Amino acid sequence: MVCRTAAVLGGHTQACPDGHYQRIWYSSCKHGVCPQCAYIQVQQWLAKQKVRILRCDHFHVIFTIPEELRFLWRFNIKLMMQILFMCSRDALFELLGDGKYMGAKPGIIASLHTWTKTLLVHPHIHCLVTGCGLSSSGELKVCGQRFSAAL
């Protein structure tokens, strides 16, 4: 409520050296849920991520721990997290490595989420998977197509 206002957060003055113009800039709260600050932070994060992403189709895949096994999460979070990441990666590599699908190893960016919006334990991984990949011979394959690539 007080973000970029005169209240509490302070600010600074920007002025022309000859005194023709003066403007006060109030400080932002930089809080993750602030509508003004969060938008800027999200845009900056997205710009950094876009540089990392290959120019090809991408697919969103989610892996989760079955409800019957979620109670194990609390006993050893680190081990369960490693297993979830490893199984997600291995499943994607095995499926997409099959010539029937892509026949190549895709690129993957994975993000762990551990809770639902209502704060129930629900460990799951969101994967951004490339629609292209490298075959074992170093050939770039795109969604069933073959392209020669000097890599």
N, C-alpha and C. Protein backbone atom coordinates (compact mmCIF):
# COMPACT_ATOMS: atom_id res chain seq x y z
N MET A 1 0.82 -1.20 0.00
CA MET A 1 0.00 0.00 0.00
C MET A 1 0.86 1.27 0.00
N VAL A 2 2.06 1.18 0.57
CA VAL A 2 2.89 2.37 0.66
C VAL A 2 4.02 2.39 -0.37
N CYS A 3 4.03 1.40 -1.26
CA CYS A 3 5.10 1.31 -2.25
C CYS A 3 5.10 2.56 -3.14
N ARG A 4 6.28 3.14 -3.29
CA ARG A 4 6.50 4.32 -4.12
C ARG A 4 5.64 5.53 -3.73
N THR A 5 5.47 5.67 -2.41
CA THR A 5 4.77 6.83 -1.87
C THR A 5 5.70 7.52 -0.87
N ALA A 6 5.31 8.66 -0.35
CA ALA A 6 6.12 9.41 0.61
C ALA A 6 6.20 8.71 1.96
N ALA A 7 5.32 7.77 2.22
CA ALA A 7 5.28 7.09 3.52
C ALA A 7 6.43 6.10 3.67
N VAL A 8 7.13 6.13 4.76
CA VAL A 8 8.08 5.16 5.29
C VAL A 8 9.30 4.83 4.43
N LEU A 9 9.15 4.53 3.16
CA LEU A 9 10.23 3.95 2.37
C LEU A 9 11.30 4.93 1.91
N GLY A 10 11.05 6.22 2.02
CA GLY A 10 12.03 7.21 1.60
C GLY A 10 12.06 7.40 0.10
N GLY A 11 13.06 8.14 -0.35
CA GLY A 11 13.17 8.40 -1.78
C GLY A 11 14.35 9.32 -2.05
N HIS A 12 14.40 9.84 -3.27
CA HIS A 12 15.45 10.79 -3.63
C HIS A 12 14.90 11.79 -4.64
N THR A 13 15.63 12.86 -4.80
CA THR A 13 15.21 13.93 -5.71
C THR A 13 16.10 13.91 -6.94
N GLN A 14 15.47 14.03 -8.08
CA GLN A 14 16.20 14.14 -9.34
C GLN A 14 15.97 15.57 -9.83
N ALA A 15 17.06 16.28 -10.13
CA ALA A 15 16.91 17.69 -10.50
C ALA A 15 17.89 18.05 -11.62
N CYS A 16 17.47 18.97 -12.42
CA CYS A 16 18.30 19.54 -13.47
C CYS A 16 19.35 20.42 -12.77
N PRO A 17 20.61 20.40 -13.22
CA PRO A 17 21.66 21.21 -12.56
C PRO A 17 21.34 22.71 -12.53
N ASP A 18 20.58 23.19 -13.53
CA ASP A 18 20.25 24.62 -13.56
C ASP A 18 18.97 24.94 -12.79
N GLY A 19 18.34 23.94 -12.19
CA GLY A 19 17.15 24.17 -11.38
C GLY A 19 15.86 24.32 -12.15
N HIS A 20 15.85 23.97 -13.46
CA HIS A 20 14.63 24.10 -14.26
C HIS A 20 13.59 23.03 -13.94
N TYR A 21 14.07 21.87 -13.51
CA TYR A 21 13.15 20.76 -13.30
C TYR A 21 13.58 19.96 -12.09
N GLN A 22 12.60 19.54 -11.33
CA GLN A 22 12.88 18.72 -10.17
C GLN A 22 11.76 17.68 -10.02
N ARG A 23 12.17 16.43 -9.69
CA ARG A 23 11.18 15.37 -9.50
C ARG A 23 11.61 14.51 -8.33
N ILE A 24 10.64 14.09 -7.54
CA ILE A 24 10.90 13.21 -6.40
C ILE A 24 10.57 11.77 -6.82
N TRP A 25 11.51 10.87 -6.57
CA TRP A 25 11.32 9.44 -6.83
C TRP A 25 11.25 8.74 -5.48
N TYR A 26 10.12 8.11 -5.20
CA TYR A 26 9.97 7.39 -3.94
C TYR A 26 10.42 5.95 -4.10
N SER A 27 10.98 5.39 -3.03
CA SER A 27 11.53 4.03 -3.07
C SER A 27 10.43 2.97 -3.16
N SER A 28 10.79 1.87 -3.79
CA SER A 28 9.84 0.74 -3.89
C SER A 28 10.12 -0.25 -2.77
N CYS A 29 9.12 -1.06 -2.47
CA CYS A 29 9.25 -2.03 -1.38
C CYS A 29 9.98 -3.29 -1.83
N LYS A 30 9.99 -3.59 -3.13
CA LYS A 30 10.64 -4.77 -3.72
C LYS A 30 10.11 -6.08 -3.15
N HIS A 31 8.88 -6.07 -2.70
CA HIS A 31 8.27 -7.28 -2.16
C HIS A 31 7.68 -8.12 -3.29
N GLY A 32 7.78 -9.44 -3.17
CA GLY A 32 7.35 -10.35 -4.22
C GLY A 32 5.87 -10.33 -4.54
N VAL A 33 5.02 -9.86 -3.59
CA VAL A 33 3.59 -9.84 -3.87
C VAL A 33 3.06 -8.43 -4.16
N CYS A 34 3.94 -7.45 -4.18
CA CYS A 34 3.54 -6.08 -4.50
C CYS A 34 3.22 -6.00 -6.00
N PRO A 35 2.04 -5.51 -6.38
CA PRO A 35 1.69 -5.46 -7.80
C PRO A 35 2.65 -4.61 -8.64
N GLN A 36 3.21 -3.56 -8.04
CA GLN A 36 4.13 -2.73 -8.80
C GLN A 36 5.52 -3.37 -8.91
N CYS A 37 6.05 -3.85 -7.80
CA CYS A 37 7.41 -4.39 -7.79
C CYS A 37 7.49 -5.78 -8.40
N ALA A 38 6.52 -6.63 -8.11
CA ALA A 38 6.56 -7.99 -8.62
C ALA A 38 6.56 -7.99 -10.15
N TYR A 39 5.81 -7.12 -10.77
CA TYR A 39 5.76 -7.06 -12.23
C TYR A 39 7.14 -6.79 -12.80
N ILE A 40 7.84 -5.84 -12.24
CA ILE A 40 9.18 -5.49 -12.72
C ILE A 40 10.13 -6.66 -12.51
N GLN A 41 10.07 -7.28 -11.32
CA GLN A 41 10.95 -8.41 -11.04
C GLN A 41 10.66 -9.58 -11.98
N VAL A 42 9.40 -9.86 -12.24
CA VAL A 42 9.03 -10.94 -13.15
C VAL A 42 9.54 -10.65 -14.56
N GLN A 43 9.39 -9.43 -15.02
CA GLN A 43 9.85 -9.08 -16.37
C GLN A 43 11.37 -9.21 -16.49
N GLN A 44 12.10 -8.81 -15.44
CA GLN A 44 13.55 -8.93 -15.46
C GLN A 44 13.96 -10.41 -15.47
N TRP A 45 13.28 -11.23 -14.67
CA TRP A 45 13.57 -12.66 -14.63
C TRP A 45 13.28 -13.30 -15.98
N LEU A 46 12.14 -12.95 -16.59
CA LEU A 46 11.78 -13.51 -17.89
C LEU A 46 12.81 -13.15 -18.97
N ALA A 47 13.30 -11.92 -18.94
CA ALA A 47 14.30 -11.49 -19.93
C ALA A 47 15.57 -12.34 -19.80
N LYS A 48 15.99 -12.64 -18.57
CA LYS A 48 17.16 -13.49 -18.36
C LYS A 48 16.92 -14.91 -18.85
N GLN A 49 15.72 -15.43 -18.62
CA GLN A 49 15.41 -16.80 -19.02
C GLN A 49 15.30 -16.95 -20.53
N LYS A 50 14.76 -15.94 -21.21
CA LYS A 50 14.59 -16.02 -22.66
C LYS A 50 15.92 -16.20 -23.38
N VAL A 51 17.00 -15.68 -22.81
CA VAL A 51 18.32 -15.82 -23.39
C VAL A 51 18.76 -17.28 -23.35
N ARG A 52 18.31 -18.03 -22.33
CA ARG A 52 18.73 -19.42 -22.14
C ARG A 52 17.93 -20.40 -23.00
N ILE A 53 16.79 -20.00 -23.51
CA ILE A 53 15.88 -20.93 -24.17
C ILE A 53 16.20 -21.04 -25.66
N LEU A 54 16.23 -22.29 -26.15
CA LEU A 54 16.47 -22.54 -27.57
C LEU A 54 15.29 -22.06 -28.40
N ARG A 55 15.55 -21.67 -29.63
CA ARG A 55 14.48 -21.22 -30.53
C ARG A 55 13.86 -22.42 -31.23
N CYS A 56 12.97 -23.09 -30.51
CA CYS A 56 12.24 -24.24 -31.04
C CYS A 56 10.96 -24.39 -30.20
N ASP A 57 10.12 -25.32 -30.59
CA ASP A 57 8.94 -25.59 -29.78
C ASP A 57 9.35 -26.10 -28.41
N HIS A 58 8.53 -25.82 -27.41
CA HIS A 58 8.76 -26.31 -26.06
C HIS A 58 7.46 -26.90 -25.54
N PHE A 59 7.60 -27.85 -24.62
CA PHE A 59 6.43 -28.52 -24.06
C PHE A 59 6.51 -28.48 -22.54
N HIS A 60 5.36 -28.33 -21.90
CA HIS A 60 5.27 -28.28 -20.45
C HIS A 60 4.83 -29.65 -19.96
N VAL A 61 5.66 -30.27 -19.12
CA VAL A 61 5.38 -31.60 -18.58
C VAL A 61 5.49 -31.52 -17.06
N ILE A 62 4.55 -32.15 -16.35
CA ILE A 62 4.56 -32.12 -14.89
C ILE A 62 4.66 -33.55 -14.36
N PHE A 63 5.58 -33.75 -13.42
CA PHE A 63 5.74 -35.03 -12.73
C PHE A 63 5.41 -34.81 -11.26
N THR A 64 4.70 -35.75 -10.66
CA THR A 64 4.35 -35.62 -9.25
C THR A 64 4.55 -36.95 -8.53
N ILE A 65 4.66 -36.87 -7.22
CA ILE A 65 4.74 -38.08 -6.39
C ILE A 65 3.31 -38.55 -6.15
N PRO A 66 3.04 -39.84 -6.32
CA PRO A 66 1.68 -40.34 -6.07
C PRO A 66 1.23 -40.00 -4.64
N GLU A 67 -0.04 -39.74 -4.51
CA GLU A 67 -0.60 -39.34 -3.21
C GLU A 67 -0.26 -40.35 -2.11
N GLU A 68 -0.25 -41.64 -2.46
CA GLU A 68 0.03 -42.68 -1.47
C GLU A 68 1.45 -42.62 -0.92
N LEU A 69 2.36 -41.97 -1.64
CA LEU A 69 3.76 -41.89 -1.21
C LEU A 69 4.15 -40.52 -0.64
N ARG A 70 3.24 -39.57 -0.64
CA ARG A 70 3.59 -38.20 -0.20
C ARG A 70 4.01 -38.13 1.26
N PHE A 71 3.54 -39.07 2.08
CA PHE A 71 3.91 -39.04 3.49
C PHE A 71 5.43 -39.24 3.65
N LEU A 72 6.09 -39.91 2.68
CA LEU A 72 7.53 -40.12 2.73
C LEU A 72 8.32 -38.83 2.56
N TRP A 73 7.72 -37.85 1.90
CA TRP A 73 8.38 -36.56 1.63
C TRP A 73 8.93 -35.94 2.91
N ARG A 74 8.14 -35.95 3.96
CA ARG A 74 8.53 -35.29 5.21
C ARG A 74 9.66 -36.01 5.94
N PHE A 75 9.85 -37.30 5.68
CA PHE A 75 10.89 -38.06 6.38
C PHE A 75 12.28 -37.76 5.85
N ASN A 76 12.40 -37.50 4.55
CA ASN A 76 13.70 -37.20 3.96
C ASN A 76 13.49 -36.38 2.70
N ILE A 77 13.29 -35.09 2.88
CA ILE A 77 12.97 -34.19 1.77
C ILE A 77 14.08 -34.18 0.72
N LYS A 78 15.34 -34.12 1.17
CA LYS A 78 16.46 -34.05 0.23
C LYS A 78 16.51 -35.28 -0.67
N LEU A 79 16.40 -36.47 -0.09
CA LEU A 79 16.43 -37.70 -0.88
C LEU A 79 15.23 -37.79 -1.82
N MET A 80 14.04 -37.47 -1.31
CA MET A 80 12.84 -37.54 -2.14
C MET A 80 12.92 -36.55 -3.30
N MET A 81 13.48 -35.38 -3.04
CA MET A 81 13.64 -34.38 -4.09
C MET A 81 14.60 -34.89 -5.17
N GLN A 82 15.72 -35.50 -4.76
CA GLN A 82 16.67 -36.06 -5.72
C GLN A 82 16.02 -37.15 -6.57
N ILE A 83 15.24 -38.01 -5.91
CA ILE A 83 14.56 -39.10 -6.63
C ILE A 83 13.57 -38.53 -7.64
N LEU A 84 12.80 -37.53 -7.22
CA LEU A 84 11.80 -36.94 -8.11
C LEU A 84 12.45 -36.30 -9.34
N PHE A 85 13.53 -35.54 -9.13
CA PHE A 85 14.24 -34.93 -10.26
C PHE A 85 14.85 -36.00 -11.18
N MET A 86 15.49 -37.00 -10.58
CA MET A 86 16.15 -38.04 -11.36
C MET A 86 15.13 -38.85 -12.17
N CYS A 87 14.03 -39.23 -11.54
CA CYS A 87 13.01 -40.01 -12.26
C CYS A 87 12.37 -39.20 -13.39
N SER A 88 12.16 -37.90 -13.16
CA SER A 88 11.59 -37.04 -14.19
C SER A 88 12.52 -36.96 -15.39
N ARG A 89 13.79 -36.70 -15.12
CA ARG A 89 14.78 -36.62 -16.19
C ARG A 89 14.89 -37.94 -16.95
N ASP A 90 15.01 -39.04 -16.19
CA ASP A 90 15.18 -40.34 -16.83
C ASP A 90 13.96 -40.73 -17.68
N ALA A 91 12.77 -40.41 -17.20
CA ALA A 91 11.55 -40.73 -17.96
C ALA A 91 11.51 -39.95 -19.27
N LEU A 92 11.85 -38.68 -19.22
CA LEU A 92 11.86 -37.86 -20.45
C LEU A 92 12.94 -38.33 -21.42
N PHE A 93 14.13 -38.62 -20.90
CA PHE A 93 15.22 -39.08 -21.77
C PHE A 93 14.87 -40.43 -22.41
N GLU A 94 14.27 -41.33 -21.63
CA GLU A 94 13.93 -42.64 -22.18
C GLU A 94 12.83 -42.52 -23.24
N LEU A 95 11.77 -41.79 -22.93
CA LEU A 95 10.66 -41.64 -23.87
C LEU A 95 11.10 -40.94 -25.15
N LEU A 96 11.74 -39.78 -25.00
CA LEU A 96 12.11 -39.00 -26.18
C LEU A 96 13.34 -39.55 -26.88
N GLY A 97 14.11 -40.39 -26.21
CA GLY A 97 15.25 -41.05 -26.85
C GLY A 97 14.81 -42.17 -27.78
N ASP A 98 13.58 -42.63 -27.62
CA ASP A 98 13.03 -43.67 -28.48
C ASP A 98 12.77 -43.10 -29.87
N GLY A 99 13.23 -43.81 -30.90
CA GLY A 99 13.08 -43.35 -32.28
C GLY A 99 11.64 -43.16 -32.70
N LYS A 100 10.72 -43.81 -32.01
CA LYS A 100 9.30 -43.68 -32.31
C LYS A 100 8.80 -42.26 -31.98
N TYR A 101 9.48 -41.59 -31.06
CA TYR A 101 9.07 -40.24 -30.66
C TYR A 101 10.01 -39.19 -31.24
N MET A 102 11.19 -39.03 -30.64
CA MET A 102 12.12 -38.04 -31.18
C MET A 102 13.46 -38.68 -31.52
N GLY A 103 13.85 -39.69 -30.78
CA GLY A 103 15.14 -40.34 -31.03
C GLY A 103 16.32 -39.47 -30.68
N ALA A 104 16.13 -38.62 -29.67
CA ALA A 104 17.19 -37.69 -29.29
C ALA A 104 17.03 -37.30 -27.82
N LYS A 105 18.06 -36.71 -27.27
CA LYS A 105 18.05 -36.24 -25.88
C LYS A 105 17.63 -34.76 -25.88
N PRO A 106 16.48 -34.43 -25.26
CA PRO A 106 16.00 -33.04 -25.27
C PRO A 106 16.70 -32.18 -24.22
N GLY A 107 16.49 -30.89 -24.32
CA GLY A 107 16.90 -29.97 -23.27
C GLY A 107 15.76 -29.86 -22.26
N ILE A 108 16.08 -29.73 -20.99
CA ILE A 108 15.05 -29.66 -19.95
C ILE A 108 15.41 -28.57 -18.94
N ILE A 109 14.43 -27.75 -18.60
CA ILE A 109 14.54 -26.84 -17.46
C ILE A 109 13.46 -27.31 -16.49
N ALA A 110 13.85 -27.62 -15.25
CA ALA A 110 12.90 -28.17 -14.28
C ALA A 110 12.83 -27.30 -13.04
N SER A 111 11.61 -27.18 -12.51
CA SER A 111 11.37 -26.37 -11.32
C SER A 111 10.53 -27.16 -10.33
N LEU A 112 10.99 -27.23 -9.09
CA LEU A 112 10.28 -27.98 -8.05
C LEU A 112 9.25 -27.10 -7.36
N HIS A 113 8.05 -27.60 -7.23
CA HIS A 113 7.00 -26.97 -6.43
C HIS A 113 6.62 -27.98 -5.35
N THR A 114 6.45 -27.54 -4.12
CA THR A 114 6.20 -28.49 -3.03
C THR A 114 4.83 -28.35 -2.38
N TRP A 115 4.10 -27.31 -2.70
CA TRP A 115 2.82 -27.07 -2.05
C TRP A 115 1.75 -26.72 -3.08
N THR A 116 0.49 -26.93 -2.69
CA THR A 116 -0.62 -26.46 -3.50
C THR A 116 -0.90 -25.01 -3.12
N LYS A 117 -1.82 -24.36 -3.80
CA LYS A 117 -2.19 -22.99 -3.44
C LYS A 117 -2.81 -22.92 -2.06
N THR A 118 -3.38 -24.03 -1.60
CA THR A 118 -4.00 -24.07 -0.27
C THR A 118 -3.03 -24.61 0.78
N LEU A 119 -1.75 -24.67 0.44
CA LEU A 119 -0.66 -25.07 1.33
C LEU A 119 -0.72 -26.52 1.79
N LEU A 120 -1.21 -27.40 0.93
CA LEU A 120 -1.14 -28.83 1.19
C LEU A 120 0.14 -29.36 0.56
N VAL A 121 0.78 -30.34 1.18
CA VAL A 121 2.00 -30.93 0.63
C VAL A 121 1.66 -31.60 -0.70
N HIS A 122 2.33 -31.17 -1.76
CA HIS A 122 2.09 -31.74 -3.09
C HIS A 122 3.34 -31.53 -3.93
N PRO A 123 4.41 -32.32 -3.65
CA PRO A 123 5.65 -32.15 -4.40
C PRO A 123 5.47 -32.56 -5.86
N HIS A 124 5.86 -31.65 -6.75
CA HIS A 124 5.79 -31.92 -8.18
C HIS A 124 6.81 -31.07 -8.90
N ILE A 125 7.18 -31.52 -10.09
CA ILE A 125 8.18 -30.81 -10.89
C ILE A 125 7.55 -30.37 -12.20
N HIS A 126 7.73 -29.09 -12.52
CA HIS A 126 7.32 -28.55 -13.82
C HIS A 126 8.55 -28.59 -14.71
N CYS A 127 8.42 -29.21 -15.88
CA CYS A 127 9.54 -29.30 -16.82
C CYS A 127 9.20 -28.57 -18.10
N LEU A 128 10.12 -27.75 -18.56
CA LEU A 128 10.03 -27.14 -19.88
C LEU A 128 10.96 -27.96 -20.75
N VAL A 129 10.40 -28.68 -21.73
CA VAL A 129 11.15 -29.64 -22.53
C VAL A 129 11.22 -29.14 -23.98
N THR A 130 12.41 -29.17 -24.55
CA THR A 130 12.57 -28.72 -25.93
C THR A 130 11.94 -29.71 -26.90
N GLY A 131 11.45 -29.20 -28.00
CA GLY A 131 10.90 -30.03 -29.07
C GLY A 131 11.98 -30.49 -30.03
N CYS A 132 13.23 -30.34 -29.64
CA CYS A 132 14.35 -30.81 -30.44
C CYS A 132 15.39 -31.38 -29.49
N GLY A 133 16.33 -32.12 -30.04
CA GLY A 133 17.36 -32.70 -29.20
C GLY A 133 18.49 -33.27 -30.02
N LEU A 134 19.52 -33.76 -29.33
CA LEU A 134 20.68 -34.33 -30.00
C LEU A 134 20.59 -35.85 -29.97
N SER A 135 20.78 -36.45 -31.12
CA SER A 135 20.82 -37.92 -31.19
C SER A 135 22.18 -38.38 -30.67
N SER A 136 22.34 -39.68 -30.49
CA SER A 136 23.61 -40.21 -29.99
C SER A 136 24.76 -39.94 -30.96
N SER A 137 24.44 -39.72 -32.26
CA SER A 137 25.48 -39.42 -33.25
C SER A 137 25.76 -37.91 -33.36
N GLY A 138 25.08 -37.10 -32.53
CA GLY A 138 25.30 -35.65 -32.57
C GLY A 138 24.43 -34.93 -33.57
N GLU A 139 23.45 -35.62 -34.13
CA GLU A 139 22.55 -35.04 -35.11
C GLU A 139 21.41 -34.32 -34.39
N LEU A 140 21.06 -33.12 -34.85
CA LEU A 140 19.95 -32.38 -34.27
C LEU A 140 18.65 -32.89 -34.86
N LYS A 141 17.74 -33.33 -33.99
CA LYS A 141 16.46 -33.85 -34.45
C LYS A 141 15.35 -32.97 -33.88
N VAL A 142 14.39 -32.63 -34.73
CA VAL A 142 13.29 -31.76 -34.32
C VAL A 142 11.97 -32.49 -34.56
N CYS A 143 11.27 -32.82 -33.50
CA CYS A 143 9.92 -33.40 -33.58
C CYS A 143 9.76 -34.37 -34.75
N GLY A 144 10.60 -35.38 -34.82
CA GLY A 144 10.46 -36.39 -35.86
C GLY A 144 11.21 -36.07 -37.14
N GLN A 145 11.73 -34.85 -37.27
CA GLN A 145 12.49 -34.48 -38.47
C GLN A 145 13.97 -34.60 -38.17
N ARG A 146 14.80 -34.73 -39.20
CA ARG A 146 16.24 -34.80 -39.01
C ARG A 146 16.90 -33.61 -39.69
N PHE A 147 17.80 -32.98 -38.97
CA PHE A 147 18.54 -31.85 -39.52
C PHE A 147 20.02 -32.12 -39.26
N SER A 148 20.86 -31.81 -40.21
CA SER A 148 22.30 -31.92 -39.99
C SER A 148 22.75 -30.69 -39.24
N ALA A 149 23.58 -30.91 -38.27
CA ALA A 149 24.07 -29.77 -37.48
C ALA A 149 25.54 -29.97 -37.20
N ALA A 150 26.30 -28.96 -37.42
CA ALA A 150 27.72 -28.98 -37.06
C ALA A 150 27.81 -28.44 -35.64
N LEU A 151 27.87 -29.34 -34.69
CA LEU A 151 27.89 -28.91 -33.28
C LEU A 151 29.25 -29.08 -32.68
